[in-house]
C-alpha atoms as a PDB file:
ATOM      1  CA  UNK A   1     -24.195 -17.074 -20.828  1.00  0.00           C
ATOM      2  CA  UNK A   2     -21.032 -16.269 -22.759  1.00  0.00           C
ATOM      3  CA  UNK A   3     -17.627 -17.384 -21.406  1.00  0.00           C
ATOM      4  CA  UNK A   4     -16.595 -13.772 -20.847  1.00  0.00           C
ATOM      5  CA  UNK A   5     -19.701 -13.027 -18.804  1.00  0.00           C
ATOM      6  CA  UNK A   6     -19.307 -16.290 -16.872  1.00  0.00           C
ATOM      7  CA  UNK A   7     -15.714 -15.371 -15.992  1.00  0.00           C
ATOM      8  CA  UNK A   8     -16.895 -11.954 -14.855  1.00  0.00           C
ATOM      9  CA  UNK A   9     -19.575 -13.481 -12.620  1.00  0.00           C
ATOM     10  CA  UNK A  10     -17.081 -15.931 -11.101  1.00  0.00           C
ATOM     11  CA  UNK A  11     -14.550 -13.150 -10.470  1.00  0.00           C
ATOM     12  CA  UNK A  12     -17.094 -10.925  -8.740  1.00  0.00           C
ATOM     13  CA  UNK A  13     -18.415 -13.870  -6.704  1.00  0.00           C
ATOM     14  CA  UNK A  14     -14.917 -14.667  -5.462  1.00  0.00           C
ATOM     15  CA  UNK A  15     -14.328 -10.996  -4.667  1.00  0.00           C
ATOM     16  CA  UNK A  16     -17.536 -10.790  -2.620  1.00  0.00           C
ATOM     17  CA  UNK A  17     -16.637 -14.047  -0.845  1.00  0.00           C
ATOM     18  CA  UNK A  18     -13.244 -12.659   0.159  1.00  0.00           C
ATOM     19  CA  UNK A  19     -14.434  -9.175   1.145  1.00  0.00           C
ATOM     20  CA  UNK A  20     -17.726 -10.050   2.868  1.00  0.00           C
ATOM     21  CA  UNK A  21     -16.185 -11.149   6.226  1.00  0.00           C
ATOM     22  CA  UNK A  22     -14.463  -7.781   6.608  1.00  0.00           C
ATOM     23  CA  UNK A  23     -17.756  -5.945   6.057  1.00  0.00           C
ATOM     24  CA  UNK A  24     -19.134  -7.271   9.356  1.00  0.00           C
ATOM     25  CA  UNK A  25     -17.236  -4.417  10.989  1.00  0.00           C
ATOM     26  CA  UNK A  26     -19.734  -1.946   9.496  1.00  0.00           C
ATOM     27  CA  UNK A  27     -22.830  -3.025  11.471  1.00  0.00           C
ATOM     28  CA  UNK A  28     -20.736  -3.749  14.575  1.00  0.00           C
ATOM     29  CA  UNK A  29     -19.396  -0.180  14.504  1.00  0.00           C
ATOM     30  CA  UNK A  30     -22.990   1.128  14.654  1.00  0.00           C
ATOM     31  CA  UNK A  31     -23.913  -0.653  17.883  1.00  0.00           C
ATOM     32  CA  UNK A  32     -25.070   1.259  20.943  1.00  0.00           C
ATOM     33  CA  UNK A  33     -23.650  -1.309  23.342  1.00  0.00           C
ATOM     34  CA  UNK A  34     -20.369  -1.029  25.244  1.00  0.00           C
ATOM     35  CA  UNK A  35     -19.088  -4.267  23.750  1.00  0.00           C
ATOM     36  CA  UNK A  36     -18.774  -5.752  20.264  1.00  0.00           C
ATOM     37  CA  UNK A  37     -22.240  -6.717  19.056  1.00  0.00           C
ATOM     38  CA  UNK A  38     -24.647  -6.227  16.187  1.00  0.00           C
ATOM     39  CA  UNK A  39     -26.974  -3.205  16.505  1.00  0.00           C
ATOM     40  CA  UNK A  40     -30.124  -5.158  17.277  1.00  0.00           C
ATOM     41  CA  UNK A  41     -31.483  -2.503  19.670  1.00  0.00           C
ATOM     42  CA  UNK A  42     -30.682   0.575  17.629  1.00  0.00           C
ATOM     43  CA  UNK A  43     -28.055   2.298  15.541  1.00  0.00           C
ATOM     44  CA  UNK A  44     -25.588   4.748  17.053  1.00  0.00           C
ATOM     45  CA  UNK A  45     -22.660   6.781  15.726  1.00  0.00           C
ATOM     46  CA  UNK A  46     -21.167   7.308  19.161  1.00  0.00           C
ATOM     47  CA  UNK A  47     -18.047   5.275  18.455  1.00  0.00           C
ATOM     48  CA  UNK A  48     -17.300   7.199  15.270  1.00  0.00           C
ATOM     49  CA  UNK A  49     -17.554  10.385  17.322  1.00  0.00           C
ATOM     50  CA  UNK A  50     -15.248   8.816  19.882  1.00  0.00           C
ATOM     51  CA  UNK A  51     -12.667   7.911  17.247  1.00  0.00           C
ATOM     52  CA  UNK A  52     -12.655  11.396  15.714  1.00  0.00           C
ATOM     53  CA  UNK A  53     -12.670  13.203  19.066  1.00  0.00           C
ATOM     54  CA  UNK A  54     -10.136  11.059  20.924  1.00  0.00           C
ATOM     55  CA  UNK A  55      -6.602  12.526  20.851  1.00  0.00           C
ATOM     56  CA  UNK A  56      -5.151   9.002  20.845  1.00  0.00           C
ATOM     57  CA  UNK A  57      -7.128   7.850  17.804  1.00  0.00           C
ATOM     58  CA  UNK A  58      -6.576  11.108  15.923  1.00  0.00           C
ATOM     59  CA  UNK A  59      -2.843  10.880  16.608  1.00  0.00           C
ATOM     60  CA  UNK A  60      -2.768   7.316  15.282  1.00  0.00           C
ATOM     61  CA  UNK A  61      -4.594   8.351  12.118  1.00  0.00           C
ATOM     62  CA  UNK A  62      -2.149  11.181  11.591  1.00  0.00           C
ATOM     63  CA  UNK A  63       0.903   8.992  12.199  1.00  0.00           C
ATOM     64  CA  UNK A  64      -0.337   6.256   9.854  1.00  0.00           C
ATOM     65  CA  UNK A  65      -1.034   8.826   7.145  1.00  0.00           C
ATOM     66  CA  UNK A  66       2.372  10.491   7.428  1.00  0.00           C
ATOM     67  CA  UNK A  67       4.233   7.186   7.552  1.00  0.00           C
ATOM     68  CA  UNK A  68       2.153   5.758   4.693  1.00  0.00           C
ATOM     69  CA  UNK A  69       2.624   8.747   2.383  1.00  0.00           C
ATOM     70  CA  UNK A  70       6.348   9.060   3.109  1.00  0.00           C
ATOM     71  CA  UNK A  71       6.956   5.331   2.727  1.00  0.00           C
ATOM     72  CA  UNK A  72       4.959   5.270  -0.519  1.00  0.00           C
ATOM     73  CA  UNK A  73       6.991   8.179  -1.902  1.00  0.00           C
ATOM     74  CA  UNK A  74      10.325   6.529  -1.061  1.00  0.00           C
ATOM     75  CA  UNK A  75       9.190   3.121  -2.303  1.00  0.00           C
ATOM     76  CA  UNK A  76       7.912   4.653  -5.543  1.00  0.00           C
ATOM     77  CA  UNK A  77      11.204   6.413  -6.232  1.00  0.00           C
ATOM     78  CA  UNK A  78      13.340   3.377  -5.422  1.00  0.00           C
ATOM     79  CA  UNK A  79      11.050   0.865  -7.122  1.00  0.00           C
ATOM     80  CA  UNK A  80      10.698   2.951 -10.284  1.00  0.00           C
ATOM     81  CA  UNK A  81      14.432   3.544 -10.648  1.00  0.00           C
ATOM     82  CA  UNK A  82      15.139  -0.138  -9.995  1.00  0.00           C
ATOM     83  CA  UNK A  83      12.551  -1.211 -12.572  1.00  0.00           C
ATOM     84  CA  UNK A  84      13.981   1.148 -15.211  1.00  0.00           C
ATOM     85  CA  UNK A  85      17.542  -0.014 -14.457  1.00  0.00           C
ATOM     86  CA  UNK A  86      16.611  -3.695 -14.720  1.00  0.00           C
ATOM     87  CA  UNK A  87      14.636  -2.998 -17.885  1.00  0.00           C
ATOM     88  CA  UNK A  88      17.687  -1.440 -19.482  1.00  0.00           C
ATOM     89  CA  UNK A  89      19.977  -4.212 -18.236  1.00  0.00           C
ATOM     90  CA  UNK A  90      17.918  -7.067 -19.736  1.00  0.00           C
ATOM     91  CA  UNK A  91      20.326  -9.884 -18.860  1.00  0.00           C
ATOM     92  CA  UNK A  92      20.506 -13.010 -16.754  1.00  0.00           C
ATOM     93  CA  UNK A  93      22.142 -11.076 -13.936  1.00  0.00           C
ATOM     94  CA  UNK A  94      19.354  -8.556 -14.120  1.00  0.00           C
ATOM     95  CA  UNK A  95      16.843 -11.302 -13.387  1.00  0.00           C
ATOM     96  CA  UNK A  96      18.950 -12.412 -10.422  1.00  0.00           C
ATOM     97  CA  UNK A  97      18.915  -8.864  -9.067  1.00  0.00           C
ATOM     98  CA  UNK A  98      15.165  -8.673  -9.675  1.00  0.00           C
ATOM     99  CA  UNK A  99      14.682 -11.841  -7.652  1.00  0.00           C
ATOM    100  CA  UNK A 100      16.689 -10.393  -4.771  1.00  0.00           C
ATOM    101  CA  UNK A 101      14.674  -7.174  -4.834  1.00  0.00           C
ATOM    102  CA  UNK A 102      11.431  -9.174  -4.671  1.00  0.00           C
ATOM    103  CA  UNK A 103      12.514 -11.100  -1.570  1.00  0.00           C
ATOM    104  CA  UNK A 104      10.518  -8.853   0.839  1.00  0.00           C
ATOM    105  CA  UNK A 105       7.370 -10.246  -0.788  1.00  0.00           C
ATOM    106  CA  UNK A 106       8.472 -13.827  -0.171  1.00  0.00           C
ATOM    107  CA  UNK A 107       9.930 -13.615   3.329  1.00  0.00           C
ATOM    108  CA  UNK A 108       7.304 -14.064   6.087  1.00  0.00           C
ATOM    109  CA  UNK A 109       6.527 -10.759   7.859  1.00  0.00           C
ATOM    110  CA  UNK A 110       7.614 -12.120  11.244  1.00  0.00           C
ATOM    111  CA  UNK A 111      11.066 -12.962   9.829  1.00  0.00           C
ATOM    112  CA  UNK A 112      11.361  -9.515   8.261  1.00  0.00           C
ATOM    113  CA  UNK A 113      10.307  -7.920  11.563  1.00  0.00           C
ATOM    114  CA  UNK A 114      12.982  -9.823  13.478  1.00  0.00           C
ATOM    115  CA  UNK A 115      15.613  -8.848  10.899  1.00  0.00           C
ATOM    116  CA  UNK A 116      14.677  -5.164  11.089  1.00  0.00           C
ATOM    117  CA  UNK A 117      14.712  -5.297  14.872  1.00  0.00           C
ATOM    118  CA  UNK A 118      18.186  -6.858  14.958  1.00  0.00           C
ATOM    119  CA  UNK A 119      19.457  -4.236  12.502  1.00  0.00           C
ATOM    120  CA  UNK A 120      17.817  -1.245  14.191  1.00  0.00           C
ATOM    121  CA  UNK A 121      18.878  -1.915  17.793  1.00  0.00           C
ATOM    122  CA  UNK A 122      22.539  -0.842  17.350  1.00  0.00           C
ATOM    123  CA  UNK A 123      21.463   2.017  15.061  1.00  0.00           C
ATOM    124  CA  UNK A 124      19.022   3.452  17.611  1.00  0.00           C
ATOM    125  CA  UNK A 125      16.099   3.383  15.175  1.00  0.00           C
ATOM    126  CA  UNK A 126      13.691   1.416  17.350  1.00  0.00           C
ATOM    127  CA  UNK A 127      10.469   3.339  18.055  1.00  0.00           C
ATOM    128  CA  UNK A 128      11.309   6.078  15.567  1.00  0.00           C
ATOM    129  CA  UNK A 129       9.518   7.448  12.533  1.00  0.00           C
ATOM    130  CA  UNK A 130      12.680   7.108  10.456  1.00  0.00           C
ATOM    131  CA  UNK A 131      13.065   3.421  11.248  1.00  0.00           C
ATOM    132  CA  UNK A 132       9.438   2.568  10.543  1.00  0.00           C
ATOM    133  CA  UNK A 133       9.345   4.585   7.316  1.00  0.00           C
ATOM    134  CA  UNK A 134      12.493   2.859   6.035  1.00  0.00           C
ATOM    135  CA  UNK A 135      11.113  -0.563   6.961  1.00  0.00           C
ATOM    136  CA  UNK A 136       7.779   0.091   5.248  1.00  0.00           C
ATOM    137  CA  UNK A 137       9.592   1.445   2.193  1.00  0.00           C
ATOM    138  CA  UNK A 138      11.641  -1.741   1.895  1.00  0.00           C
ATOM    139  CA  UNK A 139       8.499  -3.861   2.166  1.00  0.00           C
ATOM    140  CA  UNK A 140       6.565  -1.769  -0.363  1.00  0.00           C
ATOM    141  CA  UNK A 141       9.275  -1.181  -2.987  1.00  0.00           C
ATOM    142  CA  UNK A 142       8.820  -4.634  -4.621  1.00  0.00           C
ATOM    143  CA  UNK A 143       5.175  -3.778  -5.318  1.00  0.00           C
ATOM    144  CA  UNK A 144       6.292  -0.700  -7.242  1.00  0.00           C
ATOM    145  CA  UNK A 145       8.957  -2.747  -9.031  1.00  0.00           C
ATOM    146  CA  UNK A 146       6.309  -5.186 -10.275  1.00  0.00           C
ATOM    147  CA  UNK A 147       3.805  -2.597 -11.494  1.00  0.00           C
ATOM    148  CA  UNK A 148       6.394  -0.359 -13.163  1.00  0.00           C
ATOM    149  CA  UNK A 149       8.100  -3.400 -14.692  1.00  0.00           C
ATOM    150  CA  UNK A 150       4.780  -4.448 -16.207  1.00  0.00           C
ATOM    151  CA  UNK A 151       4.352  -0.972 -17.732  1.00  0.00           C
ATOM    152  CA  UNK A 152       7.878  -1.003 -19.123  1.00  0.00           C
ATOM    153  CA  UNK A 153       7.190  -4.325 -20.844  1.00  0.00           C
ATOM    154  CA  UNK A 154       4.932  -2.461 -23.287  1.00  0.00           C
ATOM    155  CA  UNK A 155       7.212   0.566 -23.721  1.00  0.00           C
ATOM    156  CA  UNK A 156       8.630   1.114 -27.201  1.00  0.00           C
ATOM    157  CA  UNK A 157      12.417   1.271 -26.890  1.00  0.00           C
ATOM    158  CA  UNK A 158      12.615   3.243 -30.112  1.00  0.00           C
ATOM    159  CA  UNK A 159      11.215   6.255 -28.256  1.00  0.00           C
ATOM    160  CA  UNK A 160      14.186   6.192 -25.901  1.00  0.00           C
ATOM    161  CA  UNK A 161      16.613   5.776 -28.788  1.00  0.00           C
ATOM    162  CA  UNK A 162      15.020   8.673 -30.668  1.00  0.00           C
ATOM    163  CA  UNK A 163      15.293  10.870 -27.598  1.00  0.00           C
ATOM    164  CA  UNK A 164      18.981  10.075 -27.142  1.00  0.00           C
ATOM    165  CA  UNK A 165      19.680  10.589 -30.848  1.00  0.00           C
ATOM    166  CA  UNK A 166      18.116  14.048 -30.628  1.00  0.00           C
ATOM    167  CA  UNK A 167      20.585  15.033 -27.923  1.00  0.00           C
ATOM    168  CA  UNK A 168      18.651  14.403 -24.719  1.00  0.00           C
ATOM    169  CA  UNK A 169      20.617  13.150 -21.734  1.00  0.00           C
ATOM    170  CA  UNK A 170      19.744   9.960 -19.875  1.00  0.00           C
ATOM    171  CA  UNK A 171      18.046  11.970 -17.117  1.00  0.00           C
ATOM    172  CA  UNK A 172      16.041  14.041 -19.623  1.00  0.00           C
ATOM    173  CA  UNK A 173      14.969  10.904 -21.462  1.00  0.00           C
ATOM    174  CA  UNK A 174      13.857   9.307 -18.215  1.00  0.00           C
ATOM    175  CA  UNK A 175      11.919  12.384 -17.082  1.00  0.00           C
ATOM    176  CA  UNK A 176      10.342  13.480 -20.365  1.00  0.00           C
ATOM    177  CA  UNK A 177       9.927  10.239 -22.327  1.00  0.00           C
ATOM    178  CA  UNK A 178       9.961   7.125 -20.147  1.00  0.00           C
ATOM    179  CA  UNK A 179       8.117   8.324 -17.018  1.00  0.00           C
ATOM    180  CA  UNK A 180       5.166   9.911 -18.889  1.00  0.00           C
ATOM    181  CA  UNK A 181       4.709   6.669 -20.827  1.00  0.00           C
ATOM    182  CA  UNK A 182       4.683   4.471 -17.712  1.00  0.00           C
ATOM    183  CA  UNK A 183       2.765   6.891 -15.470  1.00  0.00           C
ATOM    184  CA  UNK A 184      -0.124   4.420 -14.844  1.00  0.00           C
ATOM    185  CA  UNK A 185       2.322   1.826 -13.546  1.00  0.00           C
ATOM    186  CA  UNK A 186       4.014   4.367 -11.287  1.00  0.00           C
ATOM    187  CA  UNK A 187       0.691   5.572  -9.884  1.00  0.00           C
ATOM    188  CA  UNK A 188      -0.462   1.997  -9.319  1.00  0.00           C
ATOM    189  CA  UNK A 189       2.772   1.173  -7.516  1.00  0.00           C
ATOM    190  CA  UNK A 190       2.443   4.251  -5.311  1.00  0.00           C
ATOM    191  CA  UNK A 191      -1.136   3.323  -4.373  1.00  0.00           C
ATOM    192  CA  UNK A 192      -0.180  -0.246  -3.518  1.00  0.00           C
ATOM    193  CA  UNK A 193       2.828   0.969  -1.532  1.00  0.00           C
ATOM    194  CA  UNK A 194       0.626   3.302   0.513  1.00  0.00           C
ATOM    195  CA  UNK A 195      -1.888   0.524   1.212  1.00  0.00           C
ATOM    196  CA  UNK A 196       0.922  -1.840   2.247  1.00  0.00           C
ATOM    197  CA  UNK A 197       2.219   0.705   4.753  1.00  0.00           C
ATOM    198  CA  UNK A 198      -1.251   1.807   5.903  1.00  0.00           C
ATOM    199  CA  UNK A 199      -2.306  -1.757   6.794  1.00  0.00           C
ATOM    200  CA  UNK A 200       1.035  -3.118   8.055  1.00  0.00           C
ATOM    201  CA  UNK A 201       1.036  -4.430  11.642  1.00  0.00           C
ATOM    202  CA  UNK A 202       3.632  -7.199  12.182  1.00  0.00           C
ATOM    203  CA  UNK A 203       6.780  -5.137  11.580  1.00  0.00           C
ATOM    204  CA  UNK A 204       5.197  -2.170  13.372  1.00  0.00           C
ATOM    205  CA  UNK A 205       4.659  -4.233  16.525  1.00  0.00           C
ATOM    206  CA  UNK A 206       8.357  -5.121  16.593  1.00  0.00           C
ATOM    207  CA  UNK A 207       9.738  -1.672  15.792  1.00  0.00           C
ATOM    208  CA  UNK A 208       7.427   0.670  17.742  1.00  0.00           C
ATOM    209  CA  UNK A 209       6.922   1.015  21.474  1.00  0.00           C
ATOM    210  CA  UNK A 210       5.622   4.325  22.824  1.00  0.00           C
ATOM    211  CA  UNK A 211       6.522   7.156  20.429  1.00  0.00           C
ATOM    212  CA  UNK A 212       5.142   5.673  17.199  1.00  0.00           C
ATOM    213  CA  UNK A 213       1.582   4.438  17.519  1.00  0.00           C
ATOM    214  CA  UNK A 214       0.032   3.737  14.116  1.00  0.00           C
ATOM    215  CA  UNK A 215      -3.648   3.006  13.584  1.00  0.00           C
ATOM    216  CA  UNK A 216      -3.268  -0.794  13.070  1.00  0.00           C
ATOM    217  CA  UNK A 217      -1.198  -1.013  16.248  1.00  0.00           C
ATOM    218  CA  UNK A 218      -3.790   0.920  18.275  1.00  0.00           C
ATOM    219  CA  UNK A 219      -6.502  -1.352  16.909  1.00  0.00           C
ATOM    220  CA  UNK A 220      -4.420  -4.381  17.862  1.00  0.00           C
ATOM    221  CA  UNK A 221      -3.986  -3.136  21.405  1.00  0.00           C
ATOM    222  CA  UNK A 222      -7.691  -2.262  21.599  1.00  0.00           C
ATOM    223  CA  UNK A 223      -8.698  -5.804  20.657  1.00  0.00           C
ATOM    224  CA  UNK A 224      -6.123  -7.395  22.957  1.00  0.00           C
ATOM    225  CA  UNK A 225      -6.919  -5.315  26.038  1.00  0.00           C
ATOM    226  CA  UNK A 226     -10.705  -4.921  25.705  1.00  0.00           C
ATOM    227  CA  UNK A 227     -13.589  -5.202  23.254  1.00  0.00           C
ATOM    228  CA  UNK A 228     -14.218  -1.532  22.622  1.00  0.00           C
ATOM    229  CA  UNK A 229     -16.535  -1.076  19.571  1.00  0.00           C
ATOM    230  CA  UNK A 230     -14.434   1.966  18.661  1.00  0.00           C
ATOM    231  CA  UNK A 231     -12.024  -0.575  17.170  1.00  0.00           C
ATOM    232  CA  UNK A 232     -14.767  -1.600  14.729  1.00  0.00           C
ATOM    233  CA  UNK A 233     -15.358   2.054  13.809  1.00  0.00           C
ATOM    234  CA  UNK A 234     -11.638   2.504  13.182  1.00  0.00           C
ATOM    235  CA  UNK A 235     -11.642  -0.670  11.082  1.00  0.00           C
ATOM    236  CA  UNK A 236     -14.428   0.733   8.890  1.00  0.00           C
ATOM    237  CA  UNK A 237     -12.464   3.942   8.395  1.00  0.00           C
ATOM    238  CA  UNK A 238      -9.389   1.854   7.557  1.00  0.00           C
ATOM    239  CA  UNK A 239     -11.399  -0.059   4.950  1.00  0.00           C
ATOM    240  CA  UNK A 240     -12.730   3.217   3.584  1.00  0.00           C
ATOM    241  CA  UNK A 241      -9.263   4.668   3.061  1.00  0.00           C
ATOM    242  CA  UNK A 242      -8.118   1.444   1.395  1.00  0.00           C
ATOM    243  CA  UNK A 243     -11.161   1.479  -0.897  1.00  0.00           C
ATOM    244  CA  UNK A 244     -10.506   5.129  -1.762  1.00  0.00           C
ATOM    245  CA  UNK A 245      -6.924   4.263  -2.699  1.00  0.00           C
ATOM    246  CA  UNK A 246      -8.126   1.490  -4.996  1.00  0.00           C
ATOM    247  CA  UNK A 247     -10.678   3.894  -6.485  1.00  0.00           C
ATOM    248  CA  UNK A 248      -7.895   6.360  -7.283  1.00  0.00           C
ATOM    249  CA  UNK A 249      -5.958   3.524  -8.889  1.00  0.00           C
ATOM    250  CA  UNK A 250      -8.977   2.512 -10.975  1.00  0.00           C
ATOM    251  CA  UNK A 251      -9.555   6.073 -12.181  1.00  0.00           C
ATOM    252  CA  UNK A 252      -5.878   6.394 -13.112  1.00  0.00           C
ATOM    253  CA  UNK A 253      -6.036   3.130 -15.061  1.00  0.00           C
ATOM    254  CA  UNK A 254      -9.176   4.195 -16.934  1.00  0.00           C
ATOM    255  CA  UNK A 255      -7.699   7.561 -17.868  1.00  0.00           C
ATOM    256  CA  UNK A 256      -4.545   5.828 -19.086  1.00  0.00           C
ATOM    257  CA  UNK A 257      -6.563   3.502 -21.315  1.00  0.00           C
ATOM    258  CA  UNK A 258      -8.518   6.432 -22.714  1.00  0.00           C
ATOM    259  CA  UNK A 259      -5.282   8.299 -23.426  1.00  0.00           C
ATOM    260  CA  UNK A 260      -3.886   5.298 -25.243  1.00  0.00           C
ATOM    261  CA  UNK A 261      -7.098   4.992 -27.263  1.00  0.00           C
ATOM    262  CA  UNK A 262      -6.886   8.592 -28.469  1.00  0.00           C
ATOM    263  CA  UNK A 263      -3.246   8.342 -29.554  1.00  0.00           C
END
């Protein structure tokens, strides 16, 4: 076995080892019992029907989707602009600023949740869509900064210089030259930002009470208060959306590589 193939086998083995425990939710969601159990006595889709027919579950899906998409859009805009600004700065102070912007990835979620709570109380943003969207955007923006920064590392600065020499403004250069060249990094950052918001639970528990009820929070309450198998069905749907987001990212990456190969 060649070293490349061996590395591929090891990588896939580690991936299966990490993902396999989460897949137990799939058979559990198909049980016909009223409690969490494997479907030894038969397979049933009753809990999927319950999730899609329950106003509470449907509302949570809708809220998580709206908050995730809005947070991803804000994080993508902020993270992309920050990455381009730091790329142009290229100095020691720029690295200091980059480190500060990446702090949300380093700070434990419980500390970030407490900080947001302390900030939001006097502002009246507790249990509001605005507060949760802003919080998720702050947490997701560093992911966009990393992916876009990686794309900018391979960007030819001469293209920007040529654009400016031909009379294009800074905004036109950014929109027509830089962004099309780093589109895969921007798309990747947006996907990761959406996943970060879609799966986030710690900050949501601190900042939401009755009005905002995202899917992870409803699942948390379902596990804490009872053992309803509908939680397993919701978990499978959550995994499915996450997998779909990664699939979109993979397709975008493949198309980008093909585009680079044809140029």
